[in-house]
Protein backbone atom coordinates (compact mmCIF):
# COMPACT_ATOMS: atom_id res chain seq x y z
CA MET A 1 -41.86 -24.21 25.64
CA LEU A 2 -43.91 -21.83 27.38
CA ARG A 3 -42.16 -19.10 29.63
CA ALA A 4 -41.44 -19.15 32.83
CA ALA A 5 -44.36 -16.67 34.03
CA GLU A 6 -46.78 -18.70 32.20
CA ASP A 7 -45.68 -22.75 33.54
CA GLU A 8 -46.66 -21.56 37.04
CA ALA A 9 -49.85 -20.15 36.16
CA ALA A 10 -50.57 -23.65 34.86
CA GLU A 11 -49.21 -25.29 37.90
CA PRO A 12 -52.70 -25.28 39.41
CA MET A 13 -54.84 -26.20 36.46
CA ALA A 14 -52.62 -28.78 36.43
CA ASP A 15 -53.12 -30.06 39.79
CA LEU A 16 -56.95 -29.82 39.78
CA ALA A 17 -56.86 -31.85 36.20
CA SER A 18 -55.38 -34.64 37.83
CA ALA A 19 -57.34 -34.24 41.06
CA GLN A 20 -60.77 -34.77 38.75
CA LEU A 21 -59.12 -37.59 36.91
CA GLY A 22 -57.94 -39.87 40.13
CA ALA A 23 -54.49 -39.83 38.62
CA ASP A 24 -51.11 -39.30 40.73
CA PRO A 25 -50.65 -35.77 41.37
CA PRO A 26 -47.29 -34.35 39.96
CA VAL A 27 -44.35 -34.32 41.57
CA ALA A 28 -43.25 -31.93 43.41
CA ALA A 29 -39.37 -30.52 42.48
CA THR A 30 -37.68 -31.49 45.77
CA GLU A 31 -39.20 -35.09 46.14
CA ARG A 32 -37.28 -37.70 44.44
CA LYS A 33 -38.34 -41.23 43.42
CA ALA A 34 -36.18 -44.46 42.61
CA PRO A 35 -34.79 -44.42 39.47
CA SER A 36 -35.41 -45.57 36.00
CA GLU A 37 -34.43 -48.58 34.20
CA ASP A 38 -32.40 -46.47 32.66
CA GLY A 39 -30.58 -45.42 35.02
CA GLN A 40 -32.23 -41.13 35.03
CA ASP A 41 -34.15 -39.99 38.18
CA ALA A 42 -37.72 -39.68 37.41
CA THR A 43 -37.75 -36.67 38.99
CA SER A 44 -34.30 -35.06 36.56
CA PRO A 45 -34.82 -32.66 34.29
CA CYS A 46 -35.94 -34.13 30.55
CA PRO A 47 -32.83 -33.83 28.43
CA ALA A 48 -33.00 -30.25 27.19
CA VAL A 49 -34.36 -29.51 23.60
CA GLY A 50 -32.20 -29.68 21.41
CA SER A 51 -29.57 -30.79 23.03
CA ALA A 52 -26.91 -34.32 21.87
CA GLY A 53 -29.33 -36.94 22.03
CA SER A 54 -32.24 -35.43 22.18
CA GLY A 55 -32.79 -35.65 18.39
CA VAL A 56 -35.05 -31.98 18.68
CA GLN A 57 -33.89 -28.90 16.95
CA ILE A 58 -35.47 -25.49 17.90
CA GLU A 59 -35.30 -22.37 15.66
CA LYS A 60 -33.74 -19.10 17.58
CA THR A 61 -36.78 -16.95 17.19
CA LYS A 62 -35.45 -13.49 16.50
CA ARG A 63 -37.28 -10.73 18.61
CA LYS A 64 -38.75 -8.48 16.07
CA ARG A 65 -37.65 -4.75 16.22
CA LYS A 66 -41.05 -2.40 17.22
CA GLY A 67 -41.48 0.95 15.52
CA LYS A 68 -41.58 4.00 16.56
CA GLY A 69 -44.90 4.45 17.83
CA LYS A 70 -47.22 7.88 17.78
CA ALA A 71 -46.37 8.34 21.44
CA ALA A 72 -42.75 8.49 19.99
CA ARG A 73 -43.02 11.12 17.06
CA GLY A 74 -44.54 13.30 19.39
CA PRO A 75 -48.04 14.69 19.18
CA GLY A 76 -50.38 14.52 16.63
CA ALA A 77 -48.21 11.93 14.81
CA LEU A 78 -49.11 10.54 11.56
CA GLY A 79 -50.29 6.74 11.53
CA LYS A 80 -49.19 4.66 9.27
CA SER A 81 -52.54 3.71 7.83
CA ARG A 82 -52.67 7.72 6.77
CA GLY A 83 -49.92 7.53 4.07
CA SER A 84 -46.85 9.50 4.01
CA GLY A 85 -48.51 13.04 3.94
CA PHE A 86 -47.20 13.58 -0.04
CA GLU A 87 -49.48 11.87 -1.79
CA ASP A 88 -51.35 13.51 -4.64
CA TYR A 89 -54.48 13.20 -2.68
CA TYR A 90 -53.69 14.04 0.69
CA CYS A 91 -55.41 17.03 2.34
CA ASP A 92 -54.33 17.61 7.00
CA PRO A 93 -57.39 16.38 8.50
CA PRO A 94 -59.34 19.46 9.88
CA THR A 95 -58.55 19.78 13.20
CA THR A 96 -60.24 19.03 17.00
CA PRO A 97 -61.83 22.31 18.16
CA ALA A 98 -59.71 21.53 21.75
CA GLU A 99 -56.46 21.34 19.17
CA ALA A 100 -57.93 24.79 17.08
CA LEU A 101 -57.97 25.89 20.14
CA ASP A 102 -54.67 24.64 21.73
CA GLU A 103 -52.69 26.15 18.20
CA LYS A 104 -53.98 29.24 18.80
CA ALA A 105 -53.70 29.60 23.01
CA ASN A 106 -50.35 27.89 23.33
CA ILE A 107 -48.20 27.20 20.35
CA TYR A 108 -48.98 30.20 17.95
CA PRO A 109 -49.68 33.17 18.92
CA PRO A 110 -49.39 35.89 17.82
CA HIS A 111 -47.31 37.45 20.62
CA ARG A 112 -45.00 34.83 20.93
CA PRO A 113 -41.51 35.27 19.08
CA PHE A 114 -41.73 33.84 15.90
CA VAL A 115 -38.32 32.01 16.51
CA HIS A 116 -40.14 29.53 18.97
CA ARG A 117 -43.39 29.02 16.41
CA ILE A 118 -41.74 28.23 13.35
CA GLU A 119 -39.54 26.07 15.84
CA GLU A 120 -42.24 24.17 16.90
CA CYS A 121 -43.64 24.29 13.06
CA ILE A 122 -41.01 21.80 11.80
CA GLN A 123 -41.32 19.53 15.30
CA ARG A 124 -44.98 18.84 14.34
CA TYR A 125 -44.92 19.13 10.67
CA ARG A 126 -42.43 16.54 11.65
CA ALA A 127 -44.45 14.32 13.07
CA ARG A 128 -47.46 14.63 10.63
CA ARG A 129 -45.31 13.65 7.70
CA ARG A 130 -43.20 10.37 6.94
CA LEU A 131 -40.65 11.69 5.33
CA ASP A 132 -38.28 8.44 3.17
CA SER A 133 -34.46 9.53 3.31
CA GLN A 134 -34.59 10.88 0.25
CA ARG A 135 -37.01 14.14 1.15
CA ALA A 136 -35.48 13.87 4.88
CA TYR A 137 -32.19 14.99 3.14
CA LEU A 138 -33.55 17.35 0.67
CA PHE A 139 -35.56 18.83 3.45
CA SER A 140 -32.58 19.13 6.25
CA ARG A 141 -30.95 21.11 3.24
CA TYR A 142 -33.87 22.95 2.94
CA LEU A 143 -33.70 23.89 6.27
CA ALA A 144 -29.90 24.29 6.48
CA LEU A 145 -29.94 27.58 4.60
CA GLY A 146 -32.35 28.98 6.42
CA GLY A 147 -30.25 28.75 9.09
CA ILE A 148 -31.84 25.90 11.37
CA ASP A 149 -29.87 22.58 12.46
CA ASP A 150 -31.90 19.82 11.24
CA ALA A 151 -28.87 17.25 11.90
CA PRO A 152 -29.60 14.16 13.49
CA ARG A 153 -29.15 14.36 17.19
CA GLN A 154 -26.43 11.81 18.63
CA PHE A 155 -27.63 8.98 20.83
CA GLN A 156 -31.25 10.31 19.45
CA SER A 157 -33.77 7.98 20.97
CA SER A 158 -37.64 6.97 22.05
CA GLU A 159 -36.07 5.02 24.90
CA THR A 160 -33.59 7.39 26.32
CA ILE A 161 -37.35 9.31 27.53
CA GLU A 162 -39.94 8.17 30.07
CA LEU A 163 -42.69 8.32 27.70
CA ALA A 164 -44.98 7.33 30.30
CA ASP A 165 -44.52 10.45 32.59
CA ALA A 166 -43.66 12.99 29.67
CA THR A 167 -46.37 15.33 28.58
CA ALA A 168 -46.34 16.09 24.67
CA ALA A 169 -44.33 19.18 24.48
CA GLU A 170 -41.38 17.10 26.16
CA ILE A 171 -41.56 14.31 23.70
CA GLN A 172 -41.95 16.20 20.62
CA ASP A 173 -38.74 18.56 21.58
CA SER A 174 -36.71 14.80 22.81
CA MET A 175 -37.46 13.42 19.59
CA SER A 176 -37.32 16.14 17.21
CA ALA A 177 -34.00 17.00 15.23
CA ALA A 178 -35.27 20.08 13.83
CA VAL A 179 -33.12 23.30 16.16
CA ILE A 180 -32.77 26.58 16.57
CA HIS A 181 -29.59 27.72 18.03
CA ARG A 182 -29.67 29.70 21.05
CA THR A 183 -27.07 29.76 22.63
CA GLY A 184 -24.41 30.28 20.30
CA GLY A 185 -21.44 27.17 19.71
CA ASP A 186 -22.61 26.73 15.73
CA ALA A 187 -21.74 29.96 13.49
CA ARG A 188 -23.61 28.44 10.29
CA PHE A 189 -26.93 28.25 12.05
CA TYR A 190 -29.27 30.78 13.25
CA ASN A 191 -28.50 32.09 16.58
CA PRO A 192 -31.48 34.81 18.37
CA GLN A 193 -29.18 35.93 20.16
CA ASP A 194 -26.78 37.14 17.02
CA PRO A 195 -29.52 38.83 14.40
CA GLU A 196 -27.72 41.04 13.04
CA HIS A 197 -27.42 39.68 9.41
CA TRP A 198 -30.62 37.01 9.57
CA VAL A 199 -33.54 38.52 8.71
CA VAL A 200 -36.86 36.47 7.74
CA ASP A 201 -37.57 35.39 4.23
CA PHE A 202 -39.85 32.08 2.89
CA ALA A 203 -38.86 33.62 -1.16
CA GLY A 204 -35.38 33.98 -0.65
CA VAL A 205 -34.91 30.66 1.02
CA ALA A 206 -37.02 28.79 -1.28
CA ALA A 207 -34.92 30.69 -3.85
CA GLY A 208 -31.78 29.48 -2.73
CA PHE A 209 -32.38 26.57 -2.53
CA PHE A 210 -33.40 26.08 -5.93
CA SER A 211 -31.57 28.13 -7.38
CA ASP A 212 -28.07 25.99 -6.15
CA ARG A 213 -28.49 23.12 -4.19
CA VAL A 214 -31.64 21.12 -6.21
CA ILE A 215 -29.52 21.65 -9.43
CA THR A 216 -26.78 20.18 -7.99
CA LEU A 217 -27.87 17.37 -6.71
CA ALA A 218 -30.39 16.73 -9.02
CA SER A 219 -27.95 16.05 -11.66
CA SER A 220 -29.87 16.71 -14.78
CA ASN A 221 -32.52 14.18 -12.36
CA LEU A 222 -35.93 15.64 -13.11
CA ALA A 223 -37.54 13.14 -10.10
CA ILE A 224 -35.20 14.84 -8.00
CA VAL A 225 -36.38 17.70 -9.23
CA GLU A 226 -40.07 17.41 -8.89
CA VAL A 227 -39.33 15.61 -4.56
CA ALA A 228 -38.01 18.88 -3.88
CA VAL A 229 -40.55 21.01 -5.02
CA SER A 230 -43.54 19.23 -2.84
CA VAL A 231 -40.85 18.70 -0.05
CA VAL A 232 -41.28 22.50 0.51
CA GLN A 233 -44.46 23.30 -1.25
CA ASN A 234 -46.09 20.37 1.22
CA PHE A 235 -44.53 22.38 3.83
CA LEU A 236 -45.21 25.95 3.30
CA ASN A 237 -48.57 24.52 2.79
CA TYR A 238 -49.02 23.38 6.06
CA VAL A 239 -47.64 26.99 7.35
CA LEU A 240 -50.06 28.34 6.09
CA TYR A 241 -52.79 25.90 7.22
CA HIS A 242 -52.07 26.13 11.29
CA ASP A 243 -51.97 29.76 10.31
CA VAL A 244 -47.95 29.81 11.81
CA CYS A 245 -47.12 33.38 10.92
CA PRO A 246 -49.49 35.51 10.21
CA GLU A 247 -47.57 38.57 9.33
CA TYR A 248 -45.73 36.45 6.74
CA ALA A 249 -48.73 35.25 4.96
CA ALA A 250 -47.90 37.68 1.57
CA ASP A 251 -43.82 35.92 1.95
CA ILE A 252 -45.24 32.10 2.21
CA MET A 253 -47.54 32.97 -0.95
CA ARG A 254 -44.46 34.54 -2.90
CA ALA A 255 -41.89 31.42 -2.14
CA LYS A 256 -45.24 29.26 -3.33
CA ARG A 257 -44.82 30.48 -6.44
CA VAL A 258 -40.96 29.94 -6.32
CA CYS A 259 -41.71 26.63 -6.33
CA ASP A 260 -43.92 26.73 -8.85
CA GLN A 261 -41.25 28.50 -11.36
CA ALA A 262 -38.54 25.95 -10.56
CA ARG A 263 -41.36 22.73 -11.24
CA ASP A 264 -41.32 24.89 -14.85
CA GLN A 265 -38.27 26.34 -15.36
CA ILE A 266 -35.42 23.61 -13.85
CA PRO A 267 -36.16 20.87 -16.57
CA ARG A 268 -35.87 24.12 -19.52
CA LEU A 269 -32.05 24.50 -17.96
CA PHE A 270 -31.04 21.16 -18.74
CA ALA A 271 -32.71 20.57 -22.43
CA LEU A 272 -30.72 23.81 -22.85
CA TRP A 273 -27.04 22.17 -22.28
CA ASP A 274 -28.36 20.11 -24.46
CA ASP A 275 -29.47 22.65 -27.07
CA LEU A 276 -27.40 25.41 -27.02
CA PRO A 277 -26.12 27.62 -28.20
CA GLY A 278 -28.13 26.78 -31.56
CA ASP A 279 -27.78 25.69 -35.42
CA PHE A 280 -26.82 29.22 -36.21
CA HIS A 281 -24.46 30.24 -33.51
CA ALA A 282 -22.45 26.84 -34.33
CA ALA A 283 -22.55 27.88 -38.03
CA ALA A 284 -20.51 30.77 -37.31
CA ARG A 285 -17.83 28.89 -35.47
CA ALA A 286 -17.51 26.12 -37.24
CA LEU A 287 -16.27 29.07 -40.00
CA TYR A 288 -15.03 31.62 -37.96
CA GLY A 289 -14.15 30.52 -34.34
CA THR A 290 -10.63 29.91 -33.23
CA ASP A 291 -9.48 25.83 -33.70
CA ASP A 292 -9.13 25.43 -29.96
CA ARG A 293 -11.95 23.44 -28.04
CA ASP A 294 -12.87 24.17 -24.68
CA GLU A 295 -12.87 21.27 -22.59
CA GLY A 296 -16.50 21.17 -21.25
CA ALA A 297 -17.78 23.99 -23.24
CA SER A 298 -21.53 23.88 -23.76
CA GLY A 299 -23.02 22.26 -27.22
CA SER A 300 -18.98 20.97 -28.37
CA ARG A 301 -19.98 18.28 -29.86
CA ARG A 302 -22.76 19.90 -32.39
CA TYR A 303 -19.74 22.55 -33.25
CA GLU A 304 -17.47 19.17 -34.19
CA ALA A 305 -20.24 17.57 -35.98
CA MET A 306 -21.17 20.94 -38.30
CA GLU A 307 -19.92 19.97 -41.32
CA SER A 308 -18.44 23.44 -44.17
CA ARG A 309 -20.89 22.75 -45.98
CA ARG A 310 -24.07 22.38 -44.15
CA ALA A 311 -22.65 25.46 -41.90
CA ARG A 312 -22.38 28.07 -44.62
CA ILE A 313 -25.56 26.71 -45.87
CA VAL A 314 -27.33 28.08 -42.68
CA PHE A 315 -25.19 30.72 -41.33
CA TRP A 316 -25.44 32.43 -45.04
CA ALA A 317 -29.16 31.57 -44.97
CA SER A 318 -29.64 33.39 -41.65
CA ILE A 319 -27.94 36.76 -42.78
CA ALA A 320 -29.82 36.70 -45.36
CA THR A 321 -32.78 37.66 -44.04
CA MET A 322 -31.83 40.59 -41.08
CA ASP A 323 -31.84 43.90 -42.34
CA LYS A 324 -30.27 45.29 -45.42
CA ASP A 325 -27.40 47.71 -44.29
CA VAL A 326 -26.21 43.51 -42.71
CA ILE A 327 -26.22 42.61 -45.49
CA ASP A 328 -24.26 45.17 -47.64
CA ASN A 329 -21.85 44.86 -44.73
CA VAL A 330 -20.94 40.96 -45.79
CA ARG A 331 -20.68 42.22 -49.62
CA ALA A 332 -18.21 45.30 -48.71
CA ALA A 333 -16.25 42.72 -46.62
CA LYS A 334 -15.12 40.16 -49.13
CA HIS A 335 -13.80 42.84 -51.96
CA SER A 336 -10.97 43.82 -47.97
CA GLY A 337 -10.48 40.43 -46.71
CA GLY A 338 -13.85 38.87 -45.82
CA VAL A 339 -15.50 38.26 -42.65
CA ARG A 340 -13.61 37.58 -39.83
CA VAL A 341 -14.06 37.64 -36.17
CA VAL A 342 -12.60 41.68 -34.36
CA GLU A 343 -14.19 40.91 -31.05
CA THR A 344 -14.15 39.00 -28.85
CA VAL A 345 -15.86 39.59 -25.01
CA GLU A 346 -17.57 37.13 -22.39
CA GLN A 347 -20.57 38.73 -20.42
CA THR A 348 -23.60 37.77 -18.57
CA PHE A 349 -26.14 38.51 -19.81
CA GLU A 350 -30.75 38.66 -18.62
CA ILE A 351 -33.27 37.94 -20.85
CA GLU A 352 -35.44 40.88 -22.35
CA GLU A 353 -37.92 40.46 -25.10
CA PHE A 354 -38.22 37.50 -27.58
CA ARG A 355 -39.11 38.44 -31.43
CA ASP A 356 -40.67 35.72 -33.74
CA PRO A 357 -39.62 36.05 -36.95
CA SER A 358 -42.27 36.86 -39.30
CA ASP A 359 -43.90 35.20 -41.79
CA GLU A 360 -41.23 36.70 -44.19
CA THR A 361 -38.70 35.58 -43.35
CA LEU A 362 -40.10 31.85 -42.31
CA GLN A 363 -40.90 31.72 -45.65
CA LYS A 364 -37.04 32.40 -46.75
CA TYR A 365 -35.63 29.73 -43.96
CA TYR A 366 -38.64 27.43 -45.71
CA GLY A 367 -36.95 27.68 -49.20
CA VAL A 368 -33.51 26.52 -48.19
CA LYS A 369 -33.20 23.07 -48.89
CA ASP A 370 -31.30 20.27 -46.58
CA PRO A 371 -27.73 19.88 -48.07
CA ALA A 372 -28.04 15.74 -47.46
CA SER A 373 -31.91 15.36 -48.54
CA GLY A 374 -32.02 17.89 -50.44
CA ALA A 375 -35.78 18.02 -49.48
CA PRO A 376 -36.44 21.67 -48.74
CA GLY A 377 -38.32 23.00 -45.06
CA THR A 378 -36.00 21.67 -42.82
CA MET A 379 -33.77 24.14 -41.70
CA ASP A 380 -35.38 25.66 -38.14
CA PRO A 381 -35.62 29.55 -38.40
CA CYS A 382 -34.40 31.78 -36.53
CA GLY A 383 -36.03 34.52 -34.04
CA THR A 384 -35.03 37.67 -32.29
CA VAL A 385 -33.43 37.55 -28.22
CA VAL A 386 -32.96 40.55 -26.91
CA LEU A 387 -30.73 40.90 -24.17
CA GLN A 388 -28.76 42.41 -21.21
CA THR A 389 -26.03 43.12 -19.20
CA THR A 390 -26.19 42.29 -15.35
CA THR A 391 -24.47 41.15 -12.52
CA ILE A 392 -25.11 37.33 -10.94
CA GLN A 393 -24.34 37.41 -7.48
CA GLU A 394 -22.02 34.14 -6.21
CA GLY A 395 -20.52 34.54 -3.30
CA TRP A 396 -16.68 34.22 -4.41
CA ASP A 397 -14.69 37.37 -5.07
CA ARG A 398 -13.87 37.24 -9.19
CA PRO A 399 -11.94 39.14 -11.23
CA SER A 400 -13.44 40.82 -14.25
CA ALA A 401 -12.81 39.00 -17.15
CA ASP A 402 -10.74 40.28 -20.00
CA GLY A 403 -13.07 42.96 -22.80
CA GLU A 404 -16.13 42.78 -20.06
CA ARG A 405 -18.43 46.06 -20.37
CA GLN A 406 -19.28 47.49 -17.51
CA GLY A 407 -22.62 49.25 -17.22
CA ALA A 408 -25.85 48.33 -18.99
CA VAL A 409 -25.35 47.65 -22.17
CA GLN A 410 -27.97 45.66 -24.77
CA GLU A 411 -27.67 43.23 -26.99
CA GLU A 412 -30.08 41.63 -30.12
CA LEU A 413 -28.94 38.05 -31.65
CA LEU A 414 -30.03 35.88 -33.97
CA LEU A 415 -31.36 32.58 -32.11
CA ASN A 416 -33.16 29.32 -33.13
CA GLN A 417 -36.49 28.89 -32.35
CA LYS A 418 -35.65 24.90 -31.14
CA VAL A 419 -33.53 27.15 -28.62
CA ARG A 420 -36.28 29.79 -27.92
CA ARG A 421 -39.04 26.96 -26.68
CA HIS A 422 -37.07 26.72 -24.12
CA LEU A 423 -36.27 30.20 -22.58
CA VAL A 424 -38.56 32.34 -20.53
CA VAL A 425 -37.77 36.04 -19.73
CA GLY A 426 -35.73 36.74 -16.89
CA MET A 427 -33.62 33.99 -17.67
CA LYS A 428 -28.91 34.73 -17.56
CA LEU A 429 -27.34 33.03 -19.48
CA LYS A 430 -22.72 33.48 -19.02
CA LEU A 431 -21.70 33.65 -22.54
CA VAL A 432 -18.55 34.48 -24.51
CA LEU A 433 -19.86 36.46 -27.53
CA CYS A 434 -17.70 36.75 -30.67
CA THR A 435 -18.29 39.77 -33.01
CA LEU A 436 -17.80 40.27 -36.62
CA ASN A 437 -16.99 42.94 -38.79
CA VAL A 438 -19.87 42.50 -40.65
CA GLY A 439 -22.02 43.78 -37.16
CA VAL A 440 -23.06 40.26 -36.58
CA LYS A 441 -22.26 39.29 -33.21
CA PHE A 442 -22.83 34.46 -32.57
CA ILE A 443 -22.30 32.95 -28.85
CA ARG A 444 -18.56 30.89 -29.02
CA GLU A 445 -19.30 29.23 -25.84
CA VAL A 446 -22.14 28.97 -23.17
CA LYS A 447 -20.29 28.64 -19.34
CA ASP A 448 -23.48 29.29 -17.24
CA ILE A 449 -27.16 29.02 -17.55
CA TYR A 450 -29.04 30.46 -14.20
CA PRO A 451 -33.33 30.27 -13.47
CA SER A 452 -35.37 33.28 -13.58
CA TYR A 453 -35.46 33.76 -9.32
CA TYR A 454 -31.90 33.11 -9.24
CA THR A 455 -30.95 34.31 -5.60
CA PHE A 456 -27.71 33.66 -4.16
CA LEU A 457 -28.12 33.32 -0.28
CA PRO A 458 -23.91 33.88 2.09
CA GLN A 459 -25.52 30.67 3.80
CA GLU A 460 -24.10 27.83 1.02
CA LEU A 461 -20.70 29.33 1.63
CA MET A 462 -21.51 28.20 4.97
CA LEU A 463 -22.50 24.83 5.03
CA HIS A 464 -19.78 22.71 5.58
CA TYR A 465 -18.04 25.08 7.27
CA LYS A 466 -15.98 24.00 10.16
CA GLU A 467 -14.98 25.95 14.11
CA PRO A 468 -11.42 26.78 14.40
CA VAL A 469 -9.39 24.94 16.66
CA PRO A 470 -5.92 25.43 18.31
CA ASN A 471 -3.64 23.46 16.89
CA ASP A 472 0.36 23.29 17.93
CA ARG A 473 1.26 22.18 14.90
CA PRO A 474 3.88 23.86 13.42
CA ALA A 475 3.73 25.93 9.88
CA PRO A 476 5.51 24.71 7.32
CA SER A 477 8.67 27.00 6.18
CA ALA A 478 11.19 27.05 4.53
CA GLU A 479 13.60 25.14 6.89
CA ASP A 480 11.03 22.21 7.72
CA LEU A 481 9.49 21.74 4.44
CA ASP A 482 7.54 17.97 6.03
CA ALA A 483 6.56 20.28 9.30
CA GLN A 484 3.27 20.03 8.11
CA ASP A 485 3.08 16.29 8.12
CA ALA A 486 3.69 16.60 11.38
CA GLU A 487 1.55 15.40 14.86
CA PRO A 488 0.00 17.88 16.54
CA CYS A 489 2.05 18.53 19.91
CA GLY A 490 0.12 18.14 23.55
CA PRO A 491 -1.38 20.63 25.93
CA ASP A 492 2.76 20.24 27.66
CA GLY A 493 4.64 19.92 23.94
CA GLU A 494 4.39 15.98 23.50
């Protein structure tokens, strides 16, 4: 059936056609004719289509939901035909002279406060990119660490504003989720009225984002890491391309280098959890470590799988490549109670230097036969890693571990080449070290691994913060242990 507006327009054409063909004109709705043989008025409407007895069925057509148009997404919105903006081949299109002049004179002029420029930049960036759910979530977490509220607004829709009468800036502001709070109300985010503990630091925010948040979200999924790095790099490129804050251009370039480091080092961290501490330290723990198995300790399966015979071959073959003083100490220890652990300490170290094994040392390792197959040259050779004690700032007040050394202390440890290839200078390791009475140290447990760019942001502790609210509920006490389960009282005590 046609819609009413189209039926009315068709009536004059029907009259004209009837007159030309000599047919009787159509009967008006108010006229009535004699009943037909079946008793139904000739002018009465025909049986409803799809009603009982009609024999005709019509499907209900669902209204298609219209997508958000370019006008609703703000000025400069990216059309569907242009992709998402994250393709490898994508680059921002050149701006027209009018757009360039508008950005330089009105949107991003140097005299405009940075807060206003970066807020409008984020809003326009979101319009110029098609963020799927994963990219949108990662970008929101990145902005939250930078003190910008990017949570969806309640009842936000293009239908709540009149697009025909709104300016481009009004549309952009109404549809954007990125907000910098200027009147307070949420202590989790930056407030320009109270900027005491805030500083503009693009590199620091990127380093904090990739130090903890991305590693936690990825959980060894390298695809998430790549998406997170590409989103941040894409945003930083947009800021540079549109000259949003030229006074921080050098800082933005440092942030881009942090992105490159994250792309390289986070996969290394995941691999290190599988390979650390290496065959030498696994053998030393099997021979001289404690019998207890710390739940969740790194390499626990490797320790348990290291057979006693293989452990002795791996350990003593590595000792044979060390200095003559160590070998003399081992010989002396055999006559004074044997080799044993004399000290255990938990400490955080930073990698300072690597020393690869010499050709002579490699020849010694290649001459050792595998205990299972008997084939030579299968043992993973060891080099030396130089570590420097350091402190990790992570926002928690943790007491010093038992035996933890204060001040700068340098350690040298043997390290298998299989583990060495995943490490880079500057990485930090939280280790439990055991010292033998012959002067050799080995890693009993790996507590944590940190990238070289590791940065702790206090904002991490505020992401799940909730403002305190008045509560008349009585606190639990010795007289009323169930007070915490009581309902909070109303304003009148009811």
